[in-house]
């Protein structure tokens, strides 16, 4: 790296572990992955189909060994396929980021759901420093198509102010990055990895293939938007949730029309790392923690999703008003809203760039349980 991390970013990552698709240098779409298990933890009473136990496991992808952690409820019944949650950590985080919190494991065990928490990739294969997930704009450092293509000076529009933002470009992205705003890996195609992981999980765990969900925090939340928009990955999931994660500026495209799935967004009103903007403000937002990355606002991102779900985007209404400690809203007349809202924009007014899982995890699980 050309520069060291700023103290402000280190502090933010310590609190929440996370902040930023790839045109990767390696693709293994044709490779048949092999999965292995390490030392197992406790296991549920799963069916004979299951060969994974609670603990750390690996999935081989070409020269890369991708790591993930599995949590199986200890009282899992053998005769029933159950929902699966994939949980993606933030930038610099790890596979323990969600599962180390009792609120997460207790809720999973109460409902009888399985969770898989993958580990992202660091600057180079085999190194666990600054694991990340790649998504639109994060590897090239360039803004998306809905932003102006060039600045008034004729230069490409970037996802950050290069003069105010340290250069975090990973070595694997040196031939891909188009600006010093690049800040995630280029070692693997994370969409392909997630799809390969799901296929392996179907073989080794008693999961319901129609009830697979994705949640991510910060950089992991940015990946969930990507999974929901990508035509290859969107059909594999039933619903998505992003926690303090938003797409980069200019990447506000809708999900595929034939595979638009429900989406829950939770942001912090005091978040200076991925600021959501004021409710109703559709302009892009800017990081103010000592750097200057640009993101789509929470209102812009969720309104695009609401339009894809054919909601009445002119009529925003409260959601979960009496049962949560966050301020949530949805839109009227949305598709897939038979059991509850299918697109939700939740704000925690006093929350910064942290997960606050005692508050947010019950909302996430309630949202997923509707579908």
Protein backbone atom coordinates (compact mmCIF):
# COMPACT_ATOMS: atom_id res chain seq x y z
CA UNK A 1 0.00 0.00 0.00
CA UNK A 2 1.18 3.48 -0.79
CA UNK A 3 -0.12 4.96 2.44
CA UNK A 4 -1.03 3.74 5.90
CA UNK A 5 -4.59 3.59 7.19
CA UNK A 6 -5.82 6.77 8.80
CA UNK A 7 -6.51 6.69 12.52
CA UNK A 8 -10.10 7.59 11.83
CA UNK A 9 -10.59 4.55 9.62
CA UNK A 10 -8.87 2.24 12.08
CA UNK A 11 -11.25 3.44 14.79
CA UNK A 12 -14.27 2.95 12.56
CA UNK A 13 -13.17 -0.54 11.58
CA UNK A 14 -12.55 -1.45 15.19
CA UNK A 15 -16.14 -0.56 15.99
CA UNK A 16 -17.87 -2.12 13.03
CA UNK A 17 -15.37 -3.95 10.88
CA UNK A 18 -16.22 -2.68 7.49
CA UNK A 19 -16.40 0.01 4.89
CA UNK A 20 -15.76 -0.65 0.67
CA UNK A 21 -18.08 -5.81 -9.10
CA UNK A 22 -15.05 -6.74 -9.68
CA UNK A 23 -13.41 -7.09 -13.04
CA UNK A 24 -11.26 -9.76 -11.41
CA UNK A 25 -7.93 -11.03 -12.59
CA UNK A 26 -9.01 -14.64 -11.91
CA UNK A 27 -12.28 -16.36 -12.80
CA UNK A 28 -13.00 -19.98 -12.02
CA UNK A 29 -16.54 -20.39 -13.32
CA UNK A 30 -15.64 -23.71 -14.92
CA UNK A 31 -13.78 -25.06 -11.88
CA UNK A 32 -15.61 -27.61 -9.77
CA UNK A 33 -14.87 -26.58 -6.17
CA UNK A 34 -13.86 -29.01 -3.49
CA UNK A 35 -14.99 -28.35 0.07
CA UNK A 36 -13.24 -29.45 3.22
CA UNK A 37 -13.94 -29.16 6.90
CA UNK A 38 -11.59 -28.24 9.73
CA UNK A 39 -12.02 -28.93 13.41
CA UNK A 40 -15.78 -29.15 14.00
CA UNK A 41 -17.67 -27.46 16.78
CA UNK A 42 -21.04 -28.52 18.07
CA UNK A 43 -23.39 -29.92 15.46
CA UNK A 44 -27.11 -30.17 15.05
CA UNK A 45 -29.07 -33.38 14.55
CA UNK A 46 -28.96 -32.86 10.82
CA UNK A 47 -30.03 -35.28 8.12
CA UNK A 48 -27.75 -37.84 6.46
CA UNK A 49 -27.39 -35.27 3.69
CA UNK A 50 -25.26 -33.11 5.98
CA UNK A 51 -21.49 -33.42 6.01
CA UNK A 52 -20.70 -30.00 7.45
CA UNK A 53 -20.72 -29.37 11.17
CA UNK A 54 -20.62 -26.14 13.13
CA UNK A 55 -17.12 -24.73 12.69
CA UNK A 56 -14.61 -23.54 10.08
CA UNK A 57 -14.64 -25.00 6.57
CA UNK A 58 -12.93 -24.32 3.23
CA UNK A 59 -13.86 -24.22 -0.45
CA UNK A 60 -11.10 -24.61 -3.03
CA UNK A 61 -11.33 -22.30 -6.06
CA UNK A 62 -8.38 -22.81 -8.37
CA UNK A 63 -5.31 -21.70 -6.39
CA UNK A 64 -7.46 -19.97 -3.77
CA UNK A 65 -8.73 -21.58 -0.57
CA UNK A 66 -11.84 -19.68 0.51
CA UNK A 67 -12.72 -19.93 4.20
CA UNK A 68 -16.12 -19.77 5.91
CA UNK A 69 -17.77 -20.53 9.24
CA UNK A 70 -20.93 -22.60 9.61
CA UNK A 71 -23.44 -22.34 12.47
CA UNK A 72 -25.99 -25.14 12.82
CA UNK A 73 -28.64 -24.95 15.57
CA UNK A 74 -27.95 -27.68 18.15
CA UNK A 75 -31.56 -28.91 18.06
CA UNK A 76 -31.94 -28.97 14.28
CA UNK A 77 -34.47 -31.64 13.31
CA UNK A 78 -33.36 -34.28 10.86
CA UNK A 79 -36.46 -34.39 8.67
CA UNK A 80 -36.83 -30.74 7.65
CA UNK A 81 -34.91 -28.50 5.30
CA UNK A 82 -34.42 -25.10 6.91
CA UNK A 83 -33.62 -21.54 5.77
CA UNK A 84 -30.02 -20.50 5.20
CA UNK A 85 -28.55 -17.06 5.91
CA UNK A 86 -25.28 -15.97 4.33
CA UNK A 87 -23.64 -13.21 6.42
CA UNK A 88 -20.88 -11.07 4.89
CA UNK A 89 -18.51 -9.14 7.16
CA UNK A 90 -17.28 -5.58 6.69
CA UNK A 91 -13.94 -4.38 5.30
CA UNK A 92 -11.13 -5.72 7.47
CA UNK A 93 -13.53 -8.02 9.33
CA UNK A 94 -13.77 -11.79 9.44
CA UNK A 95 -16.12 -14.76 9.54
CA UNK A 96 -16.74 -14.29 13.28
CA UNK A 97 -18.09 -10.76 12.96
CA UNK A 98 -21.78 -11.72 13.25
CA UNK A 99 -21.56 -15.08 15.00
CA UNK A 100 -19.57 -13.78 17.99
CA UNK A 101 -22.71 -11.97 19.17
CA UNK A 102 -25.14 -14.03 21.30
CA UNK A 103 -28.15 -12.16 19.85
CA UNK A 104 -27.30 -13.66 16.45
CA UNK A 105 -26.77 -17.28 17.51
CA UNK A 106 -29.69 -17.24 19.94
CA UNK A 107 -32.09 -16.00 17.26
CA UNK A 108 -30.81 -18.54 14.75
CA UNK A 109 -31.17 -21.36 17.27
CA UNK A 110 -34.66 -20.24 18.29
CA UNK A 111 -35.85 -20.25 14.70
CA UNK A 112 -33.83 -23.31 13.66
CA UNK A 113 -31.96 -21.55 10.83
CA UNK A 114 -28.45 -22.24 9.54
CA UNK A 115 -25.94 -19.44 8.94
CA UNK A 116 -22.78 -19.44 6.84
CA UNK A 117 -20.32 -16.57 7.31
CA UNK A 118 -17.67 -16.46 4.56
CA UNK A 119 -14.30 -14.70 4.83
CA UNK A 120 -13.36 -12.15 2.19
CA UNK A 121 -9.97 -11.84 0.53
CA UNK A 122 -7.07 -9.66 1.62
CA UNK A 123 -4.46 -7.87 -0.48
CA UNK A 124 -2.97 -11.17 -1.64
CA UNK A 125 -3.89 -14.86 -1.47
CA UNK A 126 -3.22 -16.44 1.91
CA UNK A 127 -3.04 -13.17 3.81
CA UNK A 128 -5.88 -12.30 6.18
CA UNK A 129 -5.05 -8.60 6.51
CA UNK A 130 -7.94 -6.34 5.40
CA UNK A 131 -10.27 -8.99 3.94
CA UNK A 132 -12.74 -7.42 1.55
CA UNK A 133 -15.61 -8.04 -0.89
CA UNK A 134 -15.52 -6.59 -4.39
CA UNK A 135 -18.52 -4.90 -5.97
CA UNK A 136 -19.29 -2.33 -8.67
CA UNK A 137 -16.78 0.51 -8.58
CA UNK A 138 -14.68 -0.77 -5.68
CA UNK A 139 -11.93 -2.27 -7.84
CA UNK A 140 -11.69 0.26 -10.69
CA UNK A 141 -12.34 3.26 -8.46
CA UNK A 142 -14.64 4.73 -11.12
CA UNK A 143 -18.23 5.88 -10.56
CA UNK A 144 -21.15 4.15 -12.23
CA UNK A 145 -22.99 4.88 -15.46
CA UNK A 146 -25.66 7.10 -13.93
CA UNK A 147 -22.99 9.58 -12.81
CA UNK A 148 -21.58 11.94 -15.40
CA UNK A 149 -19.00 10.01 -17.40
CA UNK A 150 -16.36 12.74 -17.23
CA UNK A 151 -15.75 15.71 -14.98
CA UNK A 152 -15.71 19.31 -16.14
CA UNK A 153 -11.96 18.90 -16.59
CA UNK A 154 -12.37 15.88 -18.84
CA UNK A 155 -11.25 13.28 -16.30
CA UNK A 156 -13.36 10.20 -15.48
CA UNK A 157 -15.71 10.51 -12.51
CA UNK A 158 -14.34 8.52 -9.56
CA UNK A 159 -15.90 6.99 -6.43
CA UNK A 160 -13.85 9.29 -4.18
CA UNK A 161 -12.02 12.57 -4.01
CA UNK A 162 -8.50 11.36 -4.73
CA UNK A 163 -6.93 14.40 -3.09
CA UNK A 164 -8.64 13.68 0.25
CA UNK A 165 -8.65 9.89 0.29
CA UNK A 166 -5.71 7.54 0.99
CA UNK A 167 -4.75 5.04 -1.70
CA UNK A 168 -5.83 1.58 -0.51
CA UNK A 169 -5.40 -0.12 -3.90
CA UNK A 170 -4.69 -3.83 -3.40
CA UNK A 171 -1.72 -5.29 -5.34
CA UNK A 172 -4.10 -7.66 -7.15
CA UNK A 173 -5.93 -4.64 -8.62
CA UNK A 174 -2.90 -2.76 -9.94
CA UNK A 175 -3.83 -3.55 -13.56
CA UNK A 176 -7.55 -3.00 -12.98
CA UNK A 177 -7.71 0.16 -10.88
CA UNK A 178 -8.34 3.31 -12.92
CA UNK A 179 -7.88 5.68 -9.97
CA UNK A 180 -6.45 5.65 -6.45
CA UNK A 181 -10.01 5.21 -5.13
CA UNK A 182 -9.84 1.42 -5.63
CA UNK A 183 -10.07 -0.32 -2.25
CA UNK A 184 -11.04 -4.03 -2.51
CA UNK A 185 -9.42 -7.21 -3.86
CA UNK A 186 -9.26 -8.51 -7.44
CA UNK A 187 -8.25 -12.09 -6.63
CA UNK A 188 -11.58 -13.83 -7.30
CA UNK A 189 -15.07 -13.17 -8.61
CA UNK A 190 -17.11 -12.90 -5.40
CA UNK A 191 -20.39 -13.49 -7.23
CA UNK A 192 -19.07 -16.79 -8.56
CA UNK A 193 -17.69 -17.69 -5.14
CA UNK A 194 -21.03 -17.08 -3.42
CA UNK A 195 -22.89 -19.16 -6.00
CA UNK A 196 -20.35 -21.99 -5.66
CA UNK A 197 -20.69 -21.84 -1.88
CA UNK A 198 -24.49 -22.09 -2.12
CA UNK A 199 -24.29 -25.10 -4.43
CA UNK A 200 -21.89 -26.86 -2.06
CA UNK A 201 -24.11 -25.99 0.92
CA UNK A 202 -27.09 -27.60 -0.82
CA UNK A 203 -25.13 -30.85 -1.03
CA UNK A 204 -23.85 -30.80 2.55
CA UNK A 205 -26.56 -29.15 4.65
CA UNK A 206 -30.32 -29.67 5.06
CA UNK A 207 -31.28 -26.27 3.64
CA UNK A 208 -34.41 -25.10 1.87
CA UNK A 209 -33.22 -23.94 -1.58
CA UNK A 210 -36.17 -21.54 -1.82
CA UNK A 211 -35.30 -19.74 1.42
CA UNK A 212 -31.72 -18.55 1.11
CA UNK A 213 -31.03 -15.04 2.41
CA UNK A 214 -28.06 -12.65 2.31
CA UNK A 215 -27.11 -10.03 4.88
CA UNK A 216 -23.95 -7.96 5.06
CA UNK A 217 -22.44 -5.21 7.14
CA UNK A 218 -20.73 -2.17 5.58
CA UNK A 219 -18.55 -3.58 2.75
CA UNK A 220 -20.49 -6.85 3.13
CA UNK A 221 -23.73 -4.90 2.83
CA UNK A 222 -22.44 -3.36 -0.39
CA UNK A 223 -21.96 -6.91 -1.69
CA UNK A 224 -25.60 -7.76 -0.90
CA UNK A 225 -26.75 -4.96 -3.22
CA UNK A 226 -24.51 -6.48 -5.88
CA UNK A 227 -25.92 -9.97 -5.30
CA UNK A 228 -29.44 -8.60 -5.65
CA UNK A 229 -28.68 -6.73 -8.89
CA UNK A 230 -26.64 -9.39 -10.65
CA UNK A 231 -28.64 -11.57 -13.04
CA UNK A 232 -26.56 -14.62 -12.12
CA UNK A 233 -26.93 -14.35 -8.34
CA UNK A 234 -30.33 -12.74 -7.77
CA UNK A 235 -32.31 -15.93 -8.60
CA UNK A 236 -30.43 -17.86 -5.89
CA UNK A 237 -31.82 -15.74 -3.04
CA UNK A 238 -35.21 -15.07 -1.47
CA UNK A 239 -34.37 -11.69 0.12
CA UNK A 240 -31.50 -9.38 1.01
CA UNK A 241 -30.49 -7.02 3.80
CA UNK A 242 -27.76 -4.40 3.91
CA UNK A 243 -26.56 -3.02 7.23
CA UNK A 244 -24.73 0.34 6.96
CA UNK A 245 -23.75 -0.44 3.36
CA UNK A 246 -24.71 1.42 0.15
CA UNK A 247 -23.68 1.27 -3.53
CA UNK A 248 -21.06 3.67 -4.82
CA UNK A 249 -22.08 6.79 -6.70
CA UNK A 250 -23.59 6.07 -10.11
CA UNK A 251 -24.42 2.42 -9.40
CA UNK A 252 -28.13 2.82 -8.77
CA UNK A 253 -29.35 0.37 -11.40
CA UNK A 254 -32.44 -1.70 -10.51
CA UNK A 255 -32.42 -5.46 -9.90
CA UNK A 256 -33.33 -7.73 -12.84
CA UNK A 257 -37.04 -7.47 -13.61
CA UNK A 258 -37.61 -11.23 -13.56
CA UNK A 259 -35.74 -11.71 -10.27
CA UNK A 260 -36.42 -8.65 -8.11
CA UNK A 261 -36.26 -9.80 -4.50
CA UNK A 262 -37.17 -8.05 -1.22
CA UNK A 263 -34.56 -5.74 0.32
CA UNK A 264 -34.09 -4.30 3.82
CA UNK A 265 -31.66 -1.44 4.40
CA UNK A 266 -30.61 -0.26 7.88
CA UNK A 267 -28.40 2.83 8.21
CA UNK A 268 -27.11 5.01 11.03
CA UNK A 269 -28.09 8.64 11.32
CA UNK A 270 -24.64 9.50 12.70
CA UNK A 271 -22.67 7.40 10.23
CA UNK A 272 -19.83 9.46 8.72
CA UNK A 273 -18.23 6.51 6.91
CA UNK A 274 -21.22 5.53 4.73
CA UNK A 275 -23.65 8.41 5.37
CA UNK A 276 -27.23 7.64 4.31
CA UNK A 277 -28.29 11.25 3.68
CA UNK A 278 -31.56 12.70 4.84
CA UNK A 279 -34.74 10.78 4.16
CA UNK A 280 -36.04 11.83 0.75
CA UNK A 281 -32.68 13.25 -0.42
CA UNK A 282 -31.69 11.55 -3.69
CA UNK A 283 -28.26 13.18 -4.08
CA UNK A 284 -25.14 11.11 -3.53
CA UNK A 285 -23.48 11.32 -0.11
CA UNK A 286 -19.83 11.81 0.88
CA UNK A 287 -17.75 10.19 3.62
CA UNK A 288 -16.70 12.76 6.25
CA UNK A 289 -14.44 10.71 8.52
CA UNK A 290 -11.20 12.09 7.12
CA UNK A 291 -11.74 10.57 3.66
CA UNK A 292 -14.15 11.36 0.83
CA UNK A 293 -15.86 8.35 -0.77
CA UNK A 294 -19.12 8.87 -2.66
CA UNK A 295 -22.23 6.70 -2.19
CA UNK A 296 -25.79 6.57 -3.42
CA UNK A 297 -28.11 7.89 -0.71
CA UNK A 298 -30.31 5.50 1.23
CA UNK A 299 -33.42 7.11 -0.25
CA UNK A 300 -32.11 6.82 -3.82
CA UNK A 301 -31.08 3.17 -3.44
CA UNK A 302 -34.33 2.03 -1.82
CA UNK A 303 -36.54 4.06 -4.17
CA UNK A 304 -34.91 2.36 -7.16
CA UNK A 305 -35.74 -1.00 -5.55
CA UNK A 306 -39.29 0.16 -4.78
CA UNK A 307 -39.85 1.02 -8.43
CA UNK A 308 -38.58 -2.43 -9.43
CA UNK A 309 -41.13 -3.95 -7.03
CA UNK A 310 -43.77 -1.78 -8.73
CA UNK A 311 -44.55 0.11 -5.53
CA UNK A 312 -46.30 3.44 -5.52
CA UNK A 313 -43.04 5.40 -5.17
CA UNK A 314 -44.95 8.59 -4.40
CA UNK A 315 -46.47 7.19 -1.21
CA UNK A 316 -44.05 6.28 1.59
CA UNK A 317 -45.60 4.73 4.69
CA UNK A 318 -44.32 3.55 8.12
CA UNK A 319 -43.11 -0.03 8.59
CA UNK A 320 -42.59 -2.00 11.82
CA UNK A 321 -43.63 1.16 13.67
CA UNK A 322 -44.64 -0.41 16.99
CA UNK A 323 -42.10 -3.19 17.36
CA UNK A 324 -38.61 -1.85 16.58
CA UNK A 325 -36.24 0.78 17.92
CA UNK A 326 -35.42 2.01 14.42
CA UNK A 327 -37.42 4.33 12.20
CA UNK A 328 -38.55 2.25 9.21
CA UNK A 329 -40.59 3.12 6.15
CA UNK A 330 -41.77 1.39 2.99
CA UNK A 331 -43.92 2.22 0.00
CA UNK A 332 -47.53 1.42 -0.78
CA UNK A 333 -48.78 -1.33 -3.12
CA UNK A 334 -45.48 -3.21 -3.51
CA UNK A 335 -45.15 -6.68 -4.98
CA UNK A 336 -44.20 -9.59 -2.67
CA UNK A 337 -45.62 -7.75 0.34
CA UNK A 338 -48.30 -10.23 1.33
CA UNK A 339 -46.80 -11.00 4.76
CA UNK A 340 -45.04 -7.68 5.36
CA UNK A 341 -43.12 -4.95 3.52
CA UNK A 342 -40.87 -6.11 0.67
CA UNK A 343 -38.66 -3.00 0.54
CA UNK A 344 -37.77 -1.24 3.80
CA UNK A 345 -35.63 1.82 4.55
CA UNK A 346 -34.75 1.79 8.27
CA UNK A 347 -32.83 4.55 10.06
CA UNK A 348 -31.30 4.37 13.53
CA UNK A 349 -30.99 8.08 14.37
CA UNK A 350 -28.26 7.80 17.02
CA UNK A 351 -26.25 4.97 15.39
CA UNK A 352 -22.90 5.60 13.71
CA UNK A 353 -20.93 3.18 11.54
CA UNK A 354 -21.60 0.22 13.81
CA UNK A 355 -23.90 -2.79 13.59
CA UNK A 356 -25.67 -2.46 16.97
CA UNK A 357 -26.86 -6.06 16.51
CA UNK A 358 -29.04 -6.15 19.66
CA UNK A 359 -31.17 -3.56 17.87
CA UNK A 360 -30.73 -4.45 14.20
CA UNK A 361 -30.51 -8.27 14.12
CA UNK A 362 -34.11 -8.89 15.30
CA UNK A 363 -35.32 -6.53 12.55
CA UNK A 364 -33.26 -8.38 9.94
CA UNK A 365 -34.53 -11.80 11.04
CA UNK A 366 -38.12 -10.57 11.21
CA UNK A 367 -37.81 -9.27 7.66
CA UNK A 368 -36.38 -12.56 6.35
CA UNK A 369 -38.99 -14.63 8.19
CA UNK A 370 -41.76 -12.99 6.14
CA UNK A 371 -40.56 -14.75 3.00
